[in-house]
Amino acid sequence: MSNKGIKKTNAARLLDQMKINYELIPYEVDENDLGAAHIARQLGQPIERLFKTLVLRGDRTGLFVCVIPGAEEVDLKKAAKVTGNKKVEMIHLKELLPLTGYIRGGCSPIGMKKLLPTWFHQSVMDFDTVYCSAGQRGLQLCIAPADLVKAARGSLADLIV
């Protein structure tokens, strides 16, 4: 896939190292609307194909990542169960950059500062290709779901409300 003229992110460089095909898709950022619905409209894609990356903390296991469809909400009880925790919560926004190297609206499941346990909502496998952040606002990865899960060393689970 062609990515000419677009500056590579850490996520893209890691995918290159793994010899995984992907495409970098730019979109216009709206600082007042960093949500997945805005990005889906910009890309002309159904929001179900757009996956957002959430970082959570469990009382037993510490940090982990859930990657869920853009319009959905993570079910904290399901996330706790699948990760072996009794209680989980979203990390505070101010912790995102120091812990992952990414900012809100630009957090990719690939290429974080430290490899965190990662779970993808099982619907990721319903599509030929899916979209997720490439690691910066204004840039999405279009990638085969199996390749995305492999690159993040992720697992599949039911994670949404």
Protein backbone atom coordinates (compact mmCIF):
# COMPACT_ATOMS: atom_id res chain seq x y z
CA MET A 1 0.00 0.00 0.00
CA SER A 2 1.20 3.50 -0.76
CA ASN A 3 2.10 5.92 2.00
CA LYS A 4 4.02 8.48 -0.09
CA GLY A 5 4.54 11.92 1.40
CA ILE A 6 3.26 11.00 4.88
CA LYS A 7 5.69 11.10 7.81
CA LYS A 8 5.96 7.67 9.42
CA THR A 9 4.92 7.23 13.03
CA ASN A 10 6.42 4.76 15.52
CA ALA A 11 3.46 2.46 14.84
CA ALA A 12 4.13 2.57 11.08
CA ARG A 13 7.85 1.89 11.56
CA LEU A 14 7.06 -1.14 13.75
CA LEU A 15 4.65 -2.46 11.11
CA ASP A 16 7.38 -2.00 8.48
CA GLN A 17 9.83 -3.96 10.65
CA MET A 18 7.26 -6.75 10.97
CA LYS A 19 6.67 -6.66 7.18
CA ILE A 20 2.94 -6.04 7.72
CA ASN A 21 0.94 -4.26 5.03
CA TYR A 22 -1.00 -1.16 6.02
CA GLU A 23 -1.96 2.23 4.70
CA LEU A 24 -1.60 5.59 6.45
CA ILE A 25 -4.76 7.65 5.96
CA PRO A 26 -4.67 11.36 6.86
CA TYR A 27 -7.77 13.19 8.06
CA GLU A 28 -8.56 16.71 9.22
CA VAL A 29 -8.34 17.12 13.00
CA ASP A 30 -11.04 19.03 14.87
CA GLU A 31 -9.60 19.94 18.30
CA ASN A 32 -13.18 20.33 19.58
CA ASP A 33 -14.22 16.88 18.37
CA LEU A 34 -11.58 14.16 18.75
CA GLY A 35 -14.21 11.42 18.73
CA ALA A 36 -14.38 8.42 16.44
CA ALA A 37 -17.61 9.61 14.76
CA HIS A 38 -15.81 12.70 13.43
CA ILE A 39 -12.95 10.57 12.10
CA ALA A 40 -15.33 8.05 10.51
CA ARG A 41 -17.13 10.91 8.71
CA GLN A 42 -13.79 12.33 7.54
CA LEU A 43 -12.75 8.93 6.18
CA GLY A 44 -16.17 8.15 4.71
CA GLN A 45 -16.22 4.87 6.65
CA PRO A 46 -18.81 3.25 8.92
CA ILE A 47 -17.91 3.88 12.56
CA GLU A 48 -17.98 0.11 13.22
CA ARG A 49 -14.70 -0.19 11.23
CA LEU A 50 -12.99 2.47 13.34
CA PHE A 51 -11.39 1.21 16.55
CA LYS A 52 -10.33 3.37 19.48
CA THR A 53 -7.55 2.57 21.92
CA LEU A 54 -8.25 2.88 25.65
CA VAL A 55 -5.72 2.43 28.45
CA LEU A 56 -6.97 1.03 31.75
CA ARG A 57 -5.51 0.02 35.10
CA GLY A 58 -6.45 -3.14 36.94
CA ASP A 59 -6.19 -3.64 40.70
CA ARG A 60 -4.16 -6.84 40.19
CA THR A 61 -2.43 -6.63 36.82
CA GLY A 62 -1.75 -2.92 36.38
CA LEU A 63 -1.95 -1.28 32.97
CA PHE A 64 -3.60 -2.87 29.94
CA VAL A 65 -5.20 -1.78 26.68
CA CYS A 66 -8.69 -2.30 25.24
CA VAL A 67 -9.32 -1.60 21.56
CA ILE A 68 -13.03 -1.26 20.85
CA PRO A 69 -15.34 -0.04 18.08
CA GLY A 70 -15.50 3.76 17.88
CA ALA A 71 -19.12 4.21 18.91
CA GLU A 72 -18.99 1.74 21.78
CA GLU A 73 -18.18 1.98 25.47
CA VAL A 74 -15.86 -0.42 27.29
CA ASP A 75 -17.63 -2.63 29.83
CA LEU A 76 -15.41 -2.36 32.91
CA LYS A 77 -16.77 -5.61 34.40
CA LYS A 78 -16.03 -7.56 31.22
CA ALA A 79 -12.58 -5.95 30.97
CA ALA A 80 -11.85 -6.85 34.60
CA LYS A 81 -12.91 -10.46 34.06
CA VAL A 82 -10.91 -11.00 30.88
CA THR A 83 -7.77 -9.43 32.40
CA GLY A 84 -7.91 -11.24 35.74
CA ASN A 85 -8.74 -8.18 37.81
CA LYS A 86 -11.46 -7.57 40.37
CA LYS A 87 -11.69 -3.87 39.53
CA VAL A 88 -10.48 -1.79 36.59
CA GLU A 89 -10.68 1.88 35.69
CA MET A 90 -9.64 4.15 32.85
CA ILE A 91 -6.34 5.89 33.49
CA HIS A 92 -6.45 9.65 34.00
CA LEU A 93 -5.94 11.66 30.83
CA LYS A 94 -2.83 13.33 32.29
CA GLU A 95 -1.22 9.86 32.59
CA LEU A 96 -1.72 8.91 28.93
CA LEU A 97 1.31 10.64 27.41
CA PRO A 98 3.85 9.67 30.13
CA LEU A 99 2.67 6.04 30.16
CA THR A 100 2.20 5.42 26.43
CA GLY A 101 4.01 8.16 24.54
CA TYR A 102 0.70 9.05 22.88
CA ILE A 103 -1.86 11.84 23.37
CA ARG A 104 -5.65 11.67 23.45
CA GLY A 105 -6.93 11.31 19.90
CA GLY A 106 -3.63 9.84 18.76
CA CYS A 107 -3.18 6.70 20.87
CA SER A 108 -2.32 3.64 18.80
CA PRO A 109 -2.37 0.06 20.12
CA ILE A 110 1.01 -0.36 18.35
CA GLY A 111 4.24 1.28 19.42
CA MET A 112 3.53 2.40 22.96
CA LYS A 113 6.53 3.16 25.20
CA LYS A 114 6.08 -0.24 26.82
CA LEU A 115 4.26 -3.26 25.39
CA LEU A 116 1.07 -3.56 27.42
CA PRO A 117 -1.33 -6.52 27.47
CA THR A 118 -3.85 -5.69 24.76
CA TRP A 119 -7.37 -6.96 24.09
CA PHE A 120 -9.38 -6.24 20.97
CA HIS A 121 -13.14 -6.43 20.86
CA GLN A 122 -13.93 -9.55 18.85
CA SER A 123 -15.88 -7.56 16.20
CA VAL A 124 -12.51 -6.39 14.84
CA MET A 125 -12.42 -9.67 12.91
CA ASP A 126 -15.72 -8.90 11.12
CA PHE A 127 -13.97 -6.73 8.50
CA ASP A 128 -11.38 -7.11 5.72
CA THR A 129 -9.67 -3.96 6.97
CA VAL A 130 -10.13 -1.73 10.01
CA TYR A 131 -8.93 1.70 11.06
CA CYS A 132 -7.13 2.74 14.23
CA SER A 133 -4.87 5.59 15.23
CA ALA A 134 -1.44 5.57 13.62
CA GLY A 135 -0.04 7.26 16.72
CA GLN A 136 -0.81 10.90 16.07
CA ARG A 137 -3.88 13.06 15.60
CA GLY A 138 -4.79 13.37 11.95
CA LEU A 139 -3.49 9.97 10.87
CA GLN A 140 -5.18 6.56 10.86
CA LEU A 141 -3.88 3.10 10.00
CA CYS A 142 -5.93 1.02 7.59
CA ILE A 143 -4.90 -2.57 8.24
CA ALA A 144 -6.15 -6.16 8.11
CA PRO A 145 -7.53 -7.02 11.56
CA ALA A 146 -5.46 -10.18 11.99
CA ASP A 147 -2.31 -8.14 11.26
CA LEU A 148 -3.35 -5.45 13.74
CA VAL A 149 -3.96 -8.00 16.50
CA LYS A 150 -0.65 -9.71 15.68
CA ALA A 151 1.32 -6.43 15.68
CA ALA A 152 -0.09 -5.46 19.09
CA ARG A 153 0.37 -9.03 20.38
CA GLY A 154 -3.29 -8.80 21.29
CA SER A 155 -6.10 -11.17 22.16
CA LEU A 156 -9.79 -11.13 21.29
CA ALA A 157 -12.58 -10.74 23.86
CA ASP A 158 -16.06 -9.36 24.41
CA LEU A 159 -15.29 -5.94 25.91
CA ILE A 160 -18.24 -3.66 25.24
CA VAL A 161 -21.47 -2.73 27.02
